Structure formats: structure tokens, C-alpha cells
Amino acid sequence: ISGSGTTAIGQLEAPSELTMPNQPAFLAFVDDTQSNIASDTATTFQYNTEIFDQGSDFNTSTYKFTAPVTGKYQLNFKGYFLQVPTDAEFIYTQIITSNRNYIHIFDPRGFDTSPLNYHFADATVLADMDANDTAHVAVYVRLGSGTLDIYGGNATDPSNYFSGYLVC
């Protein structure tokens, strides 16, 4: 399948499977634990290692994805936390795009262990993004006496990951 000119935009495989090697897609993860996340400040997840980045649209220095074209993007993240302060009023993680924020919030005060050793958070969204809009993930801890850790992983076990692709 060709677009304008002679650039191939996709290939029809047997049996009727379309592959699109130029379609933007990425999967990045945090490979080193981010320790002692302070309360009352938004902290960006440091997705500094890519498993793949089709189109080179994810920046491992700024930890942001930049949409190369206007469209609808499927964005996903999983956060793995250690030492969750159970006296925090709430903790929210969010996928932050140029157009809006998508929030996952939880109240750790109901847990009976202090600090909470392990906790996962995740979010998935079909986000509208314009060309050059950005997306990244951050966590915010409201109050609390302890500090939160964002666990680091590896390519075999990407415990904290951020992924996305252009849907349409």
C-alpha cells in the first residue's frame, strides 16, 4: 500500500493482515528506582529506557512522547510504587497531555501497613493529540510524612512503563 509518491505506508500480509512499519508507537520504562519522591510536588516518571520507539517520537531525556501527526493516540502507563506513605491524604498519577490530564487517584490511609510496601497504579486513555503535542506521566503525593519510591525495572520486567501508538 503506497501513499503519495513512492513511499510505502503499509504492507498487506497473508492472511489479510496489514502491517504499518511507519506508524508511531513506543514503549519506555523506568530502569532505575526514583527514590524519596517528596509530598506536594508533581514528579515526572523518568522513562529513560526504550524497548521500542517506532518513529523516534519518545524522548528519554525529557521522558515525553511528541505526537508527530494529529490523531487519536492510545496511551497507557503502569506505575509500581514502594514505601507508600499511608498518612498521605491522596496520591494521584496522571497522563499529562497538551490538551488535558487523565488522572488515577487513590487514598492510602485505608491500608493497615505503614508504609505500604508495594502498590500499583495504571491508566489507559484514547487521547486526542495534535501534531507536536506532548504526553508524559507524573505522580503527586498530597501531604504525608513519608516519601514514595518509583520502582525501577528492566527490559524483561518493565515494572513502570509508558506506551502509546497512533490509532487513527
Protein backbone atom coordinates (compact mmCIF):
# COMPACT_ATOMS: atom_id res chain seq x y z
CA ILE A 1 0.00 0.00 0.00
CA SER A 2 1.53 3.27 -1.07
CA GLY A 3 0.81 6.83 -0.03
CA SER A 4 1.60 9.83 -2.16
CA GLY A 5 4.72 9.47 -4.26
CA THR A 6 6.56 6.19 -3.80
CA THR A 7 6.61 5.88 -0.01
CA ALA A 8 5.13 2.61 1.25
CA ILE A 9 2.79 3.22 4.19
CA GLY A 10 1.75 -0.36 4.78
CA GLN A 11 2.05 -3.89 3.56
CA LEU A 12 -0.73 -6.45 3.27
CA GLU A 13 0.44 -9.76 4.70
CA ALA A 14 -1.23 -13.15 4.42
CA PRO A 15 -3.93 -13.76 5.59
CA SER A 16 -5.22 -10.19 5.21
CA GLU A 17 -3.01 -8.66 7.90
CA LEU A 18 -1.90 -5.07 7.43
CA THR A 19 1.47 -4.05 8.86
CA MET A 20 2.35 -0.36 9.10
CA PRO A 21 6.05 0.00 9.94
CA ASN A 22 5.89 3.81 9.95
CA GLN A 23 3.00 4.01 12.43
CA PRO A 24 4.16 5.86 15.60
CA ALA A 25 4.47 3.50 18.58
CA PHE A 26 6.63 3.41 21.70
CA LEU A 27 7.24 1.51 24.93
CA ALA A 28 9.57 3.02 27.55
CA PHE A 29 10.28 2.15 31.16
CA VAL A 30 11.98 3.42 34.33
CA ASP A 31 15.19 1.41 34.72
CA ASP A 32 16.45 2.92 37.97
CA THR A 33 14.38 3.48 41.12
CA GLN A 34 13.38 7.10 41.71
CA SER A 35 13.71 7.34 45.48
CA ASN A 36 12.21 9.72 48.01
CA ILE A 37 9.50 11.41 45.96
CA ALA A 38 8.53 14.40 48.09
CA SER A 39 4.99 15.38 49.07
CA ASP A 40 3.10 18.26 47.47
CA THR A 41 5.04 18.37 44.23
CA ALA A 42 4.37 16.74 40.87
CA THR A 43 7.19 14.40 39.89
CA THR A 44 7.64 13.14 36.34
CA PHE A 45 8.30 9.43 35.88
CA GLN A 46 11.77 9.10 34.39
CA TYR A 47 11.10 6.75 31.47
CA ASN A 48 14.72 6.71 30.40
CA THR A 49 14.95 3.40 28.52
CA GLU A 50 13.07 2.36 25.40
CA ILE A 51 12.07 -1.15 24.45
CA PHE A 52 10.98 0.22 21.07
CA ASP A 53 10.27 3.62 19.55
CA GLN A 54 8.88 3.32 16.07
CA GLY A 55 9.24 6.79 14.58
CA SER A 56 11.64 8.13 17.25
CA ASP A 57 8.92 10.22 18.88
CA PHE A 58 9.74 9.42 22.53
CA ASN A 59 12.48 11.42 24.27
CA THR A 60 14.36 9.54 27.03
CA SER A 61 15.84 12.80 28.35
CA THR A 62 12.57 14.71 28.84
CA TYR A 63 10.52 11.49 29.33
CA LYS A 64 7.92 12.77 26.87
CA PHE A 65 6.20 11.48 23.76
CA THR A 66 5.64 14.04 20.99
CA ALA A 67 2.82 13.32 18.55
CA PRO A 68 4.21 13.50 15.01
CA VAL A 69 0.75 13.98 13.45
CA THR A 70 -2.73 14.96 14.59
CA GLY A 71 -4.82 11.95 15.58
CA LYS A 72 -6.14 9.70 18.33
CA TYR A 73 -3.42 8.02 20.40
CA GLN A 74 -3.78 5.08 22.75
CA LEU A 75 -1.67 5.92 25.82
CA ASN A 76 -1.03 3.51 28.71
CA PHE A 77 1.04 3.51 31.86
CA LYS A 78 1.67 1.28 34.83
CA GLY A 79 3.27 2.65 37.98
CA TYR A 80 4.88 0.44 40.61
CA PHE A 81 5.46 2.15 43.95
CA LEU A 82 7.42 1.20 47.08
CA GLN A 83 7.21 2.75 50.55
CA VAL A 84 3.81 4.36 50.00
CA PRO A 85 3.12 6.75 52.92
CA THR A 86 -0.20 5.66 54.42
CA ASP A 87 -0.74 9.03 56.08
CA ALA A 88 -0.86 10.83 52.72
CA GLU A 89 -4.25 12.42 52.01
CA PHE A 90 -4.21 11.01 48.48
CA ILE A 91 -1.82 10.03 45.72
CA TYR A 92 -2.58 10.55 42.09
CA THR A 93 -0.81 9.61 38.94
CA GLN A 94 -1.67 11.19 35.66
CA ILE A 95 -1.03 11.02 31.98
CA ILE A 96 -0.49 14.67 31.11
CA THR A 97 -1.06 15.71 27.50
CA SER A 98 -1.05 19.15 25.92
CA ASN A 99 -4.86 19.04 25.74
CA ARG A 100 -5.82 17.51 29.13
CA ASN A 101 -4.79 15.35 32.09
CA TYR A 102 -6.01 11.81 32.76
CA ILE A 103 -5.89 11.01 36.48
CA HIS A 104 -5.77 7.84 38.60
CA ILE A 105 -6.22 8.65 42.29
CA PHE A 106 -6.16 6.56 45.46
CA ASP A 107 -6.34 7.16 49.20
CA PRO A 108 -3.63 5.16 51.01
CA ARG A 109 -4.98 5.93 54.51
CA GLY A 110 -7.15 2.80 54.49
CA PHE A 111 -4.22 0.39 54.38
CA ASP A 112 -3.12 -1.25 57.62
CA THR A 113 0.62 -1.32 56.93
CA SER A 114 2.73 1.78 57.23
CA PRO A 115 4.40 2.43 54.93
CA LEU A 116 2.66 0.33 52.31
CA ASN A 117 5.42 -1.80 50.75
CA TYR A 118 4.01 -2.22 47.23
CA HIS A 119 1.26 -0.58 45.21
CA PHE A 120 0.39 -0.41 41.50
CA ALA A 121 -1.42 2.35 39.62
CA ASP A 122 -2.35 2.40 35.96
CA ALA A 123 -4.30 4.34 33.37
CA THR A 124 -5.31 3.90 29.77
CA VAL A 125 -6.81 6.53 27.51
CA LEU A 126 -7.61 7.17 23.88
CA ALA A 127 -6.34 10.76 23.72
CA ASP A 128 -6.78 13.35 21.02
CA MET A 129 -3.45 14.93 20.21
CA ASP A 130 -2.43 17.49 17.65
CA ALA A 131 0.89 17.37 15.82
CA ASN A 132 3.69 18.36 18.25
CA ASP A 133 1.52 17.87 21.37
CA THR A 134 3.34 16.05 24.15
CA ALA A 135 2.42 13.40 26.72
CA HIS A 136 4.18 12.30 29.90
CA VAL A 137 3.33 10.70 33.26
CA ALA A 138 3.63 12.26 36.73
CA VAL A 139 2.79 11.39 40.34
CA TYR A 140 1.63 13.74 43.11
CA VAL A 141 1.54 12.87 46.82
CA ARG A 142 -0.70 15.13 48.90
CA LEU A 143 0.68 15.63 52.42
CA GLY A 144 2.08 12.63 54.29
CA SER A 145 5.16 12.25 56.41
CA GLY A 146 6.93 9.61 54.35
CA THR A 147 8.40 9.52 50.90
CA LEU A 148 7.39 7.44 47.93
CA ASP A 149 9.69 5.41 45.66
CA ILE A 150 9.05 4.71 41.97
CA TYR A 151 10.48 1.26 41.40
CA GLY A 152 12.94 0.70 38.57
CA GLY A 153 12.79 -2.35 36.31
CA ASN A 154 14.47 -3.82 33.27
CA ALA A 155 13.59 -4.83 29.71
CA THR A 156 12.45 -8.29 30.86
CA ASP A 157 10.36 -6.86 33.73
CA PRO A 158 9.46 -3.23 32.94
CA SER A 159 7.72 -2.55 36.27
CA ASN A 160 6.96 1.09 35.40
CA TYR A 161 6.14 1.60 31.77
CA PHE A 162 4.60 4.13 29.42
CA SER A 163 3.42 3.14 25.97
CA GLY A 164 1.42 4.57 23.14
CA TYR A 165 0.57 4.36 19.47
CA LEU A 166 -1.37 6.20 16.81
CA VAL A 167 -4.79 4.58 16.40
CA CYS A 168 -6.34 6.81 13.75
